[in-house]
Amino acid sequence: MAKAIVLCYKDVDIGATQNDLILRAEVVFAGTGVPGGVLTSFGADGNGLAIGIDITALAQYSNRVEDALLAEATRLGVTGLLRTDCLMPTYSRGA
């Protein structure tokens, strides 16, 4: 099975509203189903895999990251990646 790990967030871009952010991630894919066994990705443009989040809806954070990782896996020809095979840093909003 393939695994995906967000190693770090390299940058951030502003989104469509004041609460939207585009995280730019460095990602590694590893395991069976990964061409060559291991692939590191910075997204299609090379400046970090784009992951859109809304800081007022952090309950959707993991889904957004998983969606981006699954899409990137498809682009790279990685097979067998499941949502449960995705690891990412966690965030919580300040109170």
C-alpha atoms as a PDB file:
ATOM      1  CA  MET A   1       0.000   0.000   0.000  1.00  0.00           C
ATOM      2  CA  ALA A   2       1.057   3.552  -0.707  1.00  0.00           C
ATOM      3  CA  LYS A   3       1.444   6.076   2.096  1.00  0.00           C
ATOM      4  CA  ALA A   4       1.500   9.878   1.904  1.00  0.00           C
ATOM      5  CA  ILE A   5       3.124  12.167   4.446  1.00  0.00           C
ATOM      6  CA  VAL A   6       3.036  15.952   4.543  1.00  0.00           C
ATOM      7  CA  LEU A   7       6.611  16.631   5.630  1.00  0.00           C
ATOM      8  CA  CYS A   8       6.080  20.356   6.133  1.00  0.00           C
ATOM      9  CA  TYR A   9       4.293  23.426   4.897  1.00  0.00           C
ATOM     10  CA  LYS A  10       6.727  25.506   2.853  1.00  0.00           C
ATOM     11  CA  ASP A  11       4.609  28.583   2.201  1.00  0.00           C
ATOM     12  CA  VAL A  12       1.091  29.981   2.241  1.00  0.00           C
ATOM     13  CA  ASP A  13      -0.939  32.009  -0.243  1.00  0.00           C
ATOM     14  CA  ILE A  14      -4.053  34.038   0.442  1.00  0.00           C
ATOM     15  CA  GLY A  15      -7.343  32.519  -0.606  1.00  0.00           C
ATOM     16  CA  ALA A  16     -10.605  33.898  -1.934  1.00  0.00           C
ATOM     17  CA  THR A  17     -11.747  35.328   1.426  1.00  0.00           C
ATOM     18  CA  GLN A  18     -10.039  36.557   4.576  1.00  0.00           C
ATOM     19  CA  ASN A  19     -10.504  33.114   6.185  1.00  0.00           C
ATOM     20  CA  ASP A  20      -9.196  31.081   3.231  1.00  0.00           C
ATOM     21  CA  LEU A  21      -5.560  30.042   2.975  1.00  0.00           C
ATOM     22  CA  ILE A  22      -3.664  27.954   0.460  1.00  0.00           C
ATOM     23  CA  LEU A  23      -1.052  25.909   2.287  1.00  0.00           C
ATOM     24  CA  ARG A  24       1.963  24.905   0.150  1.00  0.00           C
ATOM     25  CA  ALA A  25       3.237  21.487   1.214  1.00  0.00           C
ATOM     26  CA  GLU A  26       6.257  19.273   0.692  1.00  0.00           C
ATOM     27  CA  VAL A  27       4.907  15.726   0.440  1.00  0.00           C
ATOM     28  CA  VAL A  28       6.474  12.290   0.240  1.00  0.00           C
ATOM     29  CA  PHE A  29       4.773   9.185  -1.123  1.00  0.00           C
ATOM     30  CA  ALA A  30       6.221   5.790  -0.202  1.00  0.00           C
ATOM     31  CA  GLY A  31       5.416   2.092  -0.412  1.00  0.00           C
ATOM     32  CA  THR A  32       4.097  -0.309  -2.967  1.00  0.00           C
ATOM     33  CA  GLY A  33       2.138   1.459  -5.665  1.00  0.00           C
ATOM     34  CA  VAL A  34       4.682   4.296  -5.766  1.00  0.00           C
ATOM     35  CA  PRO A  35       6.830   4.391  -8.905  1.00  0.00           C
ATOM     36  CA  GLY A  36      10.404   3.855  -7.703  1.00  0.00           C
ATOM     37  CA  GLY A  37       9.208   3.168  -4.133  1.00  0.00           C
ATOM     38  CA  VAL A  38       9.505   6.778  -2.890  1.00  0.00           C
ATOM     39  CA  LEU A  39       8.517  10.109  -4.471  1.00  0.00           C
ATOM     40  CA  THR A  40       8.851  13.593  -3.045  1.00  0.00           C
ATOM     41  CA  SER A  41       6.471  16.186  -4.472  1.00  0.00           C
ATOM     42  CA  PHE A  42       6.158  19.951  -4.329  1.00  0.00           C
ATOM     43  CA  GLY A  43       3.001  19.946  -6.490  1.00  0.00           C
ATOM     44  CA  ALA A  44       2.561  20.469 -10.204  1.00  0.00           C
ATOM     45  CA  ASP A  45       4.073  23.976 -10.143  1.00  0.00           C
ATOM     46  CA  GLY A  46       6.987  23.003  -7.912  1.00  0.00           C
ATOM     47  CA  ASN A  47       6.257  25.593  -5.212  1.00  0.00           C
ATOM     48  CA  GLY A  48       4.380  23.286  -2.838  1.00  0.00           C
ATOM     49  CA  LEU A  49       1.300  21.127  -3.160  1.00  0.00           C
ATOM     50  CA  ALA A  50      -1.685  23.489  -2.877  1.00  0.00           C
ATOM     51  CA  ILE A  51      -4.062  22.649  -0.035  1.00  0.00           C
ATOM     52  CA  GLY A  52      -6.959  25.050   0.432  1.00  0.00           C
ATOM     53  CA  ILE A  53      -8.270  25.487   3.964  1.00  0.00           C
ATOM     54  CA  ASP A  54     -10.739  27.723   5.767  1.00  0.00           C
ATOM     55  CA  ILE A  55      -9.464  28.581   9.231  1.00  0.00           C
ATOM     56  CA  THR A  56     -13.037  28.909  10.534  1.00  0.00           C
ATOM     57  CA  ALA A  57     -13.822  25.335   9.443  1.00  0.00           C
ATOM     58  CA  LEU A  58     -10.850  23.357  10.725  1.00  0.00           C
ATOM     59  CA  ALA A  59     -13.069  20.292  11.130  1.00  0.00           C
ATOM     60  CA  GLN A  60     -12.644  19.960   7.345  1.00  0.00           C
ATOM     61  CA  TYR A  61      -8.837  20.350   7.487  1.00  0.00           C
ATOM     62  CA  SER A  62      -7.968  16.644   7.311  1.00  0.00           C
ATOM     63  CA  ASN A  63     -10.471  16.071   4.487  1.00  0.00           C
ATOM     64  CA  ARG A  64      -8.951  18.927   2.481  1.00  0.00           C
ATOM     65  CA  VAL A  65      -5.416  17.606   2.991  1.00  0.00           C
ATOM     66  CA  GLU A  66      -6.474  14.054   2.093  1.00  0.00           C
ATOM     67  CA  ASP A  67      -8.251  15.293  -1.045  1.00  0.00           C
ATOM     68  CA  ALA A  68      -5.108  17.147  -2.156  1.00  0.00           C
ATOM     69  CA  LEU A  69      -2.885  14.136  -1.434  1.00  0.00           C
ATOM     70  CA  LEU A  70      -5.188  11.771  -3.315  1.00  0.00           C
ATOM     71  CA  ALA A  71      -5.291  14.108  -6.324  1.00  0.00           C
ATOM     72  CA  GLU A  72      -1.496  14.477  -6.292  1.00  0.00           C
ATOM     73  CA  ALA A  73      -1.077  10.698  -6.042  1.00  0.00           C
ATOM     74  CA  THR A  74      -3.224  10.299  -9.154  1.00  0.00           C
ATOM     75  CA  ARG A  75      -1.182  12.941 -10.995  1.00  0.00           C
ATOM     76  CA  LEU A  76       2.045  11.144 -10.091  1.00  0.00           C
ATOM     77  CA  GLY A  77       0.779   7.662 -10.953  1.00  0.00           C
ATOM     78  CA  VAL A  78       0.722   6.461  -7.346  1.00  0.00           C
ATOM     79  CA  THR A  79      -1.797   3.667  -6.828  1.00  0.00           C
ATOM     80  CA  GLY A  80      -3.474   2.251  -3.744  1.00  0.00           C
ATOM     81  CA  LEU A  81      -3.453   5.395  -1.582  1.00  0.00           C
ATOM     82  CA  LEU A  82      -6.370   5.559   0.857  1.00  0.00           C
ATOM     83  CA  ARG A  83      -7.463   8.398   3.140  1.00  0.00           C
ATOM     84  CA  THR A  84      -6.335   6.328   6.126  1.00  0.00           C
ATOM     85  CA  ASP A  85      -2.818   6.201   4.609  1.00  0.00           C
ATOM     86  CA  CYS A  86      -2.330   9.989   4.789  1.00  0.00           C
ATOM     87  CA  LEU A  87      -0.364  11.682   7.579  1.00  0.00           C
ATOM     88  CA  MET A  88      -0.290  15.435   8.186  1.00  0.00           C
ATOM     89  CA  PRO A  89       0.550  18.038  10.834  1.00  0.00           C
ATOM     90  CA  THR A  90      -2.399  19.014  13.010  1.00  0.00           C
ATOM     91  CA  TYR A  91      -3.679  22.512  13.718  1.00  0.00           C
ATOM     92  CA  SER A  92      -6.029  24.113  16.197  1.00  0.00           C
ATOM     93  CA  ARG A  93      -7.274  27.684  16.320  1.00  0.00           C
ATOM     94  CA  GLY A  94      -6.434  29.967  19.172  1.00  0.00           C
ATOM     95  CA  ALA A  95      -9.182  30.860  21.614  1.00  0.00           C
END
